[in-house]
Protein backbone atom coordinates (compact mmCIF):
# COMPACT_ATOMS: atom_id res chain seq x y z
CA MET A 1 74.02 102.83 55.19
CA PRO A 2 76.88 100.89 53.46
CA GLN A 3 77.08 97.12 54.47
CA LYS A 4 80.26 96.13 56.27
CA ILE A 5 82.07 93.09 54.85
CA ASP A 6 84.11 91.03 57.20
CA ILE A 7 86.88 88.96 55.95
CA SER A 8 88.14 86.27 58.34
CA HIS A 9 91.85 85.58 58.95
CA ARG A 10 91.45 81.99 57.53
CA THR A 11 90.17 83.38 54.11
CA VAL A 12 93.12 85.83 54.02
CA ILE A 13 95.46 83.01 54.85
CA PHE A 14 93.99 80.62 52.25
CA THR A 15 93.93 83.22 49.56
CA THR A 16 97.67 84.14 50.25
CA ILE A 17 98.71 80.45 50.23
CA PHE A 18 96.86 79.85 47.01
CA ILE A 19 98.36 82.87 45.22
CA LEU A 20 101.89 81.86 46.54
CA ALA A 21 101.25 78.29 45.13
CA LEU A 22 100.29 79.64 41.81
CA TRP A 23 103.40 81.79 41.69
CA ILE A 24 105.73 78.93 42.72
CA THR A 25 104.09 76.68 40.15
CA TYR A 26 104.70 79.41 37.45
CA LEU A 27 108.38 79.69 38.43
CA ILE A 28 109.05 75.88 38.29
CA ARG A 29 106.78 75.23 35.23
CA ASP A 30 110.01 73.95 33.25
CA LEU A 31 110.76 71.44 36.06
CA LEU A 32 107.08 70.41 36.14
CA ILE A 33 107.18 69.87 32.35
CA ILE A 34 110.29 67.70 32.67
CA LEU A 35 108.70 65.63 35.53
CA PHE A 36 105.53 65.16 33.40
CA VAL A 37 107.79 64.00 30.49
CA ALA A 38 109.58 61.59 32.85
CA LEU A 39 106.17 60.18 33.97
CA ILE A 40 105.33 59.56 30.21
CA PHE A 41 108.66 57.66 29.82
CA VAL A 42 107.97 55.73 33.01
CA SER A 43 104.55 54.77 31.64
CA ALA A 44 106.06 53.70 28.26
CA LEU A 45 109.04 51.70 29.79
CA SER A 46 107.17 50.12 32.67
CA PRO A 47 105.74 47.03 30.89
CA LEU A 48 109.07 46.15 29.69
CA VAL A 49 110.73 46.51 33.02
CA LYS A 50 107.89 44.44 34.55
CA ILE A 51 108.73 41.48 31.95
CA PHE A 52 112.30 41.42 33.30
CA VAL A 53 111.14 41.55 36.90
CA LYS A 54 109.00 38.59 36.16
CA LEU A 55 112.09 36.79 35.08
CA ARG A 56 113.24 37.27 38.68
CA LEU A 57 115.83 39.90 37.72
CA PRO A 58 116.60 42.71 40.32
CA LYS A 59 114.62 45.75 39.45
CA VAL A 60 117.75 47.93 39.01
CA LEU A 61 119.14 45.46 36.52
CA SER A 62 115.75 45.17 34.84
CA ILE A 63 115.67 48.95 34.35
CA ALA A 64 119.27 48.92 33.05
CA ILE A 65 118.49 46.14 30.56
CA THR A 66 115.41 48.06 29.38
CA TYR A 67 117.68 51.12 28.71
CA ILE A 68 120.13 48.98 26.97
CA VAL A 69 117.28 47.42 24.80
CA ILE A 70 115.87 50.78 23.95
CA VAL A 71 119.31 52.08 23.01
CA ALA A 72 120.23 49.06 21.02
CA ALA A 73 116.92 49.39 18.95
CA ILE A 74 117.74 52.94 18.22
CA VAL A 75 121.33 52.17 17.38
CA GLY A 76 120.18 49.38 15.06
CA LEU A 77 117.73 51.50 13.26
CA ILE A 78 120.45 54.15 12.77
CA ILE A 79 122.92 51.62 11.40
CA SER A 80 120.36 50.32 9.02
CA ILE A 81 119.86 53.70 7.36
CA VAL A 82 123.31 55.39 8.10
CA PRO A 83 124.99 54.38 4.89
CA PRO A 84 122.63 55.83 2.39
CA LEU A 85 121.95 58.71 4.86
CA ILE A 86 125.65 59.55 5.01
CA GLU A 87 126.04 59.26 1.33
CA GLN A 88 123.01 61.53 0.36
CA SER A 89 123.72 63.98 3.27
CA THR A 90 127.39 64.34 2.14
CA LYS A 91 126.32 64.91 -1.44
CA LEU A 92 123.74 67.53 -0.19
CA VAL A 93 126.59 69.30 1.91
CA ILE A 94 128.95 69.42 -0.91
CA THR A 95 126.36 70.66 -3.42
CA ALA A 96 124.81 73.19 -1.06
CA PRO A 97 126.89 76.23 -2.16
CA GLY A 98 125.89 75.68 -5.77
CA LEU A 99 122.24 75.10 -4.85
CA LEU A 100 122.15 78.29 -2.86
CA ALA A 101 123.67 80.32 -5.68
CA GLN A 102 121.10 78.77 -8.05
CA PHE A 103 118.25 79.57 -5.58
CA PHE A 104 119.30 83.22 -5.51
CA ASN A 105 119.34 83.46 -9.13
CA ILE A 106 115.93 82.03 -9.50
CA THR A 107 114.26 84.01 -6.76
CA ASN A 108 116.15 87.31 -7.37
CA LEU A 109 116.73 87.57 -3.63
CA ASP A 110 119.45 89.92 -2.47
CA LYS A 111 122.50 87.78 -1.31
CA SER A 112 123.56 90.50 1.24
CA VAL A 113 120.31 89.79 3.37
CA PHE A 114 121.42 85.96 3.53
CA SER A 115 125.09 87.12 4.26
CA SER A 116 123.93 89.45 7.06
CA GLU A 117 121.87 86.59 8.65
CA LEU A 118 125.03 84.15 8.53
CA THR A 119 126.98 86.92 10.23
CA SER A 120 124.34 87.23 12.90
CA LEU A 121 124.34 83.50 13.35
CA SER A 122 128.06 83.30 13.73
CA LYS A 123 127.94 85.95 16.36
CA ASN A 124 125.41 83.98 18.31
CA LEU A 125 127.37 80.82 17.88
CA PHE A 126 128.41 80.89 21.57
CA SER A 127 124.87 81.24 22.85
CA ILE A 128 123.67 78.50 20.45
CA THR A 129 126.39 76.15 21.71
CA LEU A 130 125.38 77.01 25.32
CA SER A 131 121.76 76.27 24.44
CA VAL A 132 122.67 72.87 22.84
CA PHE A 133 124.75 72.05 25.97
CA ASP A 134 121.82 73.03 28.26
CA ASN A 135 119.40 70.84 26.32
CA LEU A 136 121.87 67.87 26.54
CA LEU A 137 122.04 68.35 30.27
CA THR A 138 118.18 68.50 30.40
CA ILE A 139 117.95 65.09 28.52
CA ILE A 140 120.54 63.45 30.78
CA PHE A 141 118.57 64.84 33.99
CA LEU A 142 115.41 63.50 32.29
CA LEU A 143 116.73 59.97 31.83
CA VAL A 144 118.08 60.02 35.45
CA ILE A 145 114.77 61.15 36.79
CA THR A 146 113.08 58.48 34.70
CA PHE A 147 115.35 55.90 36.13
CA TYR A 148 114.71 56.70 39.75
CA MET A 149 111.03 56.95 39.11
CA LEU A 150 110.90 53.57 37.51
CA LEU A 151 112.98 52.11 40.51
CA GLU A 152 110.50 53.70 43.08
CA GLN A 153 107.28 53.39 40.95
CA ASP A 154 105.39 51.02 43.40
CA SER A 155 106.52 53.04 46.37
CA LEU A 156 105.63 56.46 44.84
CA GLU A 157 102.08 54.94 43.83
CA ASN A 158 101.51 53.71 47.30
CA ARG A 159 102.48 57.00 49.04
CA PHE A 160 100.41 59.08 46.77
CA SER A 161 97.33 56.81 47.10
CA SER A 162 97.74 56.77 50.94
CA LEU A 163 97.02 60.60 50.88
CA PHE A 164 93.38 59.75 50.18
CA LYS A 165 92.11 57.87 53.25
CA GLY A 166 89.38 55.32 52.35
CA LYS A 167 90.00 55.83 48.63
CA GLU A 168 93.45 54.13 48.30
CA GLU A 169 92.23 51.35 45.81
CA ARG A 170 90.39 53.84 43.52
CA ILE A 171 93.28 56.14 43.40
CA ARG A 172 95.66 53.40 42.69
CA ARG A 173 93.43 52.04 39.86
CA SER A 174 93.42 55.71 38.47
CA ILE A 175 97.25 55.84 38.56
CA VAL A 176 97.39 52.63 36.55
CA LYS A 177 94.91 54.03 33.97
CA ILE A 178 96.85 57.09 33.62
CA GLU A 179 100.09 55.29 33.23
CA GLU A 180 98.69 52.84 30.62
CA LYS A 181 97.24 55.83 28.43
CA LEU A 182 100.40 57.81 28.76
CA GLY A 183 102.48 54.90 27.62
CA ALA A 184 100.05 54.35 24.67
CA TRP A 185 100.33 58.03 23.70
CA LEU A 186 104.24 57.92 23.45
CA ARG A 187 103.95 54.72 21.27
CA GLY A 188 101.34 56.49 19.20
CA GLN A 189 103.63 59.44 18.74
CA LEU A 190 106.47 57.12 17.56
CA ILE A 191 103.99 55.55 15.09
CA LEU A 192 103.09 59.08 13.73
CA SER A 193 106.65 59.93 13.20
CA LEU A 194 107.26 56.72 11.23
CA ILE A 195 104.19 57.18 9.09
CA ILE A 196 104.98 60.69 8.20
CA GLY A 197 108.66 59.83 7.51
CA VAL A 198 107.57 56.94 5.16
CA LEU A 199 104.86 59.06 3.36
CA SER A 200 107.41 61.85 2.78
CA TYR A 201 110.04 59.40 1.50
CA ILE A 202 107.54 57.79 -0.91
CA GLY A 203 106.30 61.12 -2.15
CA LEU A 204 109.88 62.63 -2.61
CA THR A 205 110.89 59.46 -4.43
CA ILE A 206 107.95 59.65 -6.67
CA LEU A 207 108.74 63.15 -7.56
CA ASN A 208 112.36 62.22 -8.09
CA ILE A 209 113.70 64.60 -5.55
CA PRO A 210 117.39 63.98 -4.71
CA TYR A 211 118.30 63.33 -1.11
CA ALA A 212 114.90 61.98 -0.31
CA LEU A 213 116.18 59.94 2.68
CA PRO A 214 117.57 62.66 4.80
CA LEU A 215 114.69 65.02 3.84
CA ALA A 216 112.18 62.26 4.94
CA MET A 217 114.05 61.73 8.17
CA VAL A 218 113.90 65.42 8.97
CA ALA A 219 110.09 65.33 8.40
CA GLY A 220 109.64 62.31 10.53
CA ILE A 221 111.71 63.79 13.52
CA MET A 222 110.02 67.20 13.02
CA GLU A 223 106.64 65.45 13.41
CA VAL A 224 107.16 65.67 17.18
CA VAL A 225 106.93 69.47 17.08
CA PRO A 226 103.23 70.26 16.39
CA VAL A 227 102.13 72.94 13.80
CA ILE A 228 105.60 74.31 13.24
CA GLY A 229 107.38 70.96 12.51
CA PRO A 230 105.72 70.03 9.45
CA ILE A 231 106.20 73.43 7.87
CA VAL A 232 109.91 73.60 8.84
CA SER A 233 110.50 70.18 7.55
CA ALA A 234 108.88 70.99 4.16
CA LEU A 235 111.14 73.99 3.50
CA PRO A 236 114.31 72.23 2.54
CA ALA A 237 112.69 70.00 0.15
CA ILE A 238 110.80 72.77 -1.55
CA PHE A 239 114.01 74.82 -1.65
CA LEU A 240 115.95 71.87 -3.22
CA ALA A 241 112.96 71.20 -5.80
CA LEU A 242 113.25 74.97 -6.81
CA THR A 243 116.78 74.62 -7.80
CA ILE A 244 115.69 72.00 -10.34
CA THR A 245 112.36 73.60 -11.64
CA PRO A 246 110.00 76.06 -10.12
CA VAL A 247 107.14 73.63 -11.24
CA LEU A 248 108.72 70.80 -9.30
CA SER A 249 108.88 73.03 -6.08
CA VAL A 250 105.16 73.66 -6.40
CA GLY A 251 104.64 70.01 -6.75
CA VAL A 252 106.65 69.21 -3.58
CA ALA A 253 104.80 71.94 -1.62
CA VAL A 254 101.37 70.34 -2.70
CA MET A 255 102.73 66.96 -1.64
CA PHE A 256 103.64 68.30 1.88
CA LEU A 257 100.43 70.15 2.16
CA LEU A 258 98.51 66.96 1.22
CA ILE A 259 100.56 65.09 3.88
CA GLN A 260 99.87 67.77 6.44
CA GLN A 261 96.12 67.73 5.80
CA LEU A 262 95.98 64.00 5.96
CA GLU A 263 98.04 64.22 9.16
CA ASN A 264 95.95 66.85 10.88
CA HIS A 265 92.39 65.46 9.83
CA LEU A 266 92.85 61.78 9.71
CA ILE A 267 96.26 60.30 10.89
CA VAL A 268 96.78 62.24 14.28
CA PRO A 269 93.17 62.03 15.44
CA GLN A 270 92.72 58.35 14.53
CA VAL A 271 96.12 57.19 15.82
CA MET A 272 95.62 59.09 18.95
CA LYS A 273 92.10 57.97 19.39
CA ARG A 274 93.21 54.29 19.20
CA ALA A 275 96.30 55.07 21.63
CA VAL A 276 94.56 57.17 24.29
CA GLY A 277 90.73 56.89 23.47
CA LEU A 278 90.14 60.57 23.15
CA ASN A 279 87.68 61.92 20.57
CA PRO A 280 89.36 63.39 17.51
CA LEU A 281 87.73 66.70 18.17
CA VAL A 282 89.09 66.76 21.80
CA VAL A 283 92.57 65.93 20.41
CA ILE A 284 92.60 68.90 18.10
CA LEU A 285 91.23 71.31 20.72
CA ALA A 286 93.83 70.01 23.18
CA ILE A 287 96.68 70.69 20.88
CA ALA A 288 95.37 74.35 20.09
CA ILE A 289 94.82 75.09 23.80
CA GLY A 290 98.10 73.58 24.73
CA GLY A 291 99.90 75.57 22.18
CA ARG A 292 98.44 78.72 23.30
CA LEU A 293 99.18 78.24 26.85
CA LEU A 294 102.76 76.73 26.75
CA GLY A 295 103.94 77.15 23.17
CA ILE A 296 105.45 74.24 21.42
CA ALA A 297 105.98 72.29 24.69
CA GLY A 298 102.26 72.68 25.50
CA ALA A 299 101.12 71.57 22.08
CA LEU A 300 103.28 68.52 22.20
CA LEU A 301 102.14 67.40 25.65
CA ALA A 302 98.53 68.64 25.09
CA VAL A 303 97.20 65.14 24.35
CA PRO A 304 98.71 63.35 27.43
CA MET A 305 97.56 66.20 29.66
CA ALA A 306 94.13 65.97 28.35
CA VAL A 307 94.17 62.11 29.03
CA VAL A 308 95.13 62.86 32.63
CA VAL A 309 92.46 65.38 33.07
CA GLN A 310 89.81 63.04 31.41
CA ILE A 311 90.64 60.07 33.84
CA ILE A 312 90.65 62.39 36.84
CA ALA A 313 87.37 64.05 35.78
CA ALA A 314 85.67 60.62 35.30
CA GLU A 315 86.88 59.49 38.71
CA ILE A 316 85.53 62.57 40.40
CA LEU A 317 82.17 62.14 38.68
CA GLU A 318 82.03 58.41 39.42
CA GLY A 319 82.81 59.41 43.00
CA GLU A 320 79.83 61.86 43.28
CA LYS A 321 77.50 59.19 41.80
CA ILE A 322 78.49 56.90 44.65
């Protein structure tokens, strides 16, 4: 006789709520990613804000000054490299048509293929413009959210920790740990971009490739995009070298390959280990898993997510021991 299985109303309700929660999480995943990035920015900027608060400045003013300091540092960096960058970039734009023609002659590619791609690109210009505008709005929204999270940081921490009765102090300590590690990760990412940009500039200069500065800046900026970024940043330099001599293009490709191998197996794991305390193998696996689950955004945010998971897991295990 078949055994009868009874399912309680409580189980049905719990399962329904759980599935609904997963579905809602999936629908707002973009917003959750933005909030997580805002949390990283808060963690990175918080120490500077606290310095100004200790000087007895109002918190709103402290945050505003922090924003001004960061913007001033970025503008100062840009101003220091803009003159040679504009000069080399202008020359590159002027010589681009001749370089393209030379490229087609060397590679024997059909120009009609390239022309059709340009035509397709021009047709999609409106959608591209909308995409750029949308990303700009996202950045503004991110900065505003970061501002208010910095302003309400202590209040948010207290409210969240108060949800865990009897464990408020432990939860608060865990939040502080997470913030410290996330801030260190962002600073580590900036160091990585700087290292890759400098190495690319040195390598391109040694190989006597023209327009080394803008090409190196592209390599440094694209470093924030895991896996795809280094490949995309290498293509313009390889193409430019090909218009000089095919052998030189091979040399540039080898140089970028060496930098990428150095980055993947030494620079990224070691810098991130110092910044967030994760094992290099965990860093590599986290990036691979994050890329599979959420694409480029997942790969980029994989390390800070792994940091959060590690701290939470450690607190849970410590709580079980107690």
